[in-house]
């Protein structure tokens, strides 16, 4: 993600998380890691 933001800083960066049954815990874990 850092490489993508440095390579083109004029475009927005989107991250879509496909979690089973809409669980929030996997999404929060990825958010905390970032």
C-alpha atoms as a PDB file:
ATOM      1  CA  UNK A   1       0.000   0.000   0.000  1.00  0.00           C
ATOM      2  CA  UNK A   2       2.857   2.362   0.729  1.00  0.00           C
ATOM      3  CA  UNK A   3       4.377   1.623  -2.675  1.00  0.00           C
ATOM      4  CA  UNK A   4       1.072   2.327  -4.406  1.00  0.00           C
ATOM      5  CA  UNK A   5       0.627   5.637  -2.604  1.00  0.00           C
ATOM      6  CA  UNK A   6       4.177   6.722  -3.477  1.00  0.00           C
ATOM      7  CA  UNK A   7       3.919   5.588  -7.109  1.00  0.00           C
ATOM      8  CA  UNK A   8       0.837   7.720  -7.804  1.00  0.00           C
ATOM      9  CA  UNK A   9      -0.044  10.230  -5.116  1.00  0.00           C
ATOM     10  CA  UNK A  10      -2.745  11.948  -7.169  1.00  0.00           C
ATOM     11  CA  UNK A  11      -5.184   9.015  -7.151  1.00  0.00           C
ATOM     12  CA  UNK A  12      -7.095   7.748  -4.160  1.00  0.00           C
ATOM     13  CA  UNK A  13      -6.328   4.327  -2.741  1.00  0.00           C
ATOM     14  CA  UNK A  14      -9.225   2.002  -1.929  1.00  0.00           C
ATOM     15  CA  UNK A  15      -9.144  -1.274  -0.016  1.00  0.00           C
ATOM     16  CA  UNK A  16     -12.201  -3.518  -0.165  1.00  0.00           C
ATOM     17  CA  UNK A  17     -12.452  -6.258   2.451  1.00  0.00           C
ATOM     18  CA  UNK A  18     -14.567  -9.296   1.639  1.00  0.00           C
ATOM     19  CA  UNK A  19     -15.385 -10.835   5.008  1.00  0.00           C
ATOM     20  CA  UNK A  20     -17.752 -13.789   5.412  1.00  0.00           C
ATOM     21  CA  UNK A  21     -21.258 -12.948   6.669  1.00  0.00           C
ATOM     22  CA  UNK A  22     -20.296  -9.294   7.149  1.00  0.00           C
ATOM     23  CA  UNK A  23     -18.157  -9.943  10.203  1.00  0.00           C
ATOM     24  CA  UNK A  24     -16.567  -6.811  11.629  1.00  0.00           C
ATOM     25  CA  UNK A  25     -13.619  -8.411  13.464  1.00  0.00           C
ATOM     26  CA  UNK A  26     -11.542  -9.223  10.311  1.00  0.00           C
ATOM     27  CA  UNK A  27     -12.020  -5.679   9.028  1.00  0.00           C
ATOM     28  CA  UNK A  28     -10.976  -4.157  12.335  1.00  0.00           C
ATOM     29  CA  UNK A  29      -7.896  -6.402  12.441  1.00  0.00           C
ATOM     30  CA  UNK A  30      -6.779  -5.152   9.018  1.00  0.00           C
ATOM     31  CA  UNK A  31      -7.515  -1.544  10.017  1.00  0.00           C
ATOM     32  CA  UNK A  32      -5.438  -1.941  13.195  1.00  0.00           C
ATOM     33  CA  UNK A  33      -2.550  -3.392  11.183  1.00  0.00           C
ATOM     34  CA  UNK A  34      -2.467  -0.384   8.890  1.00  0.00           C
END
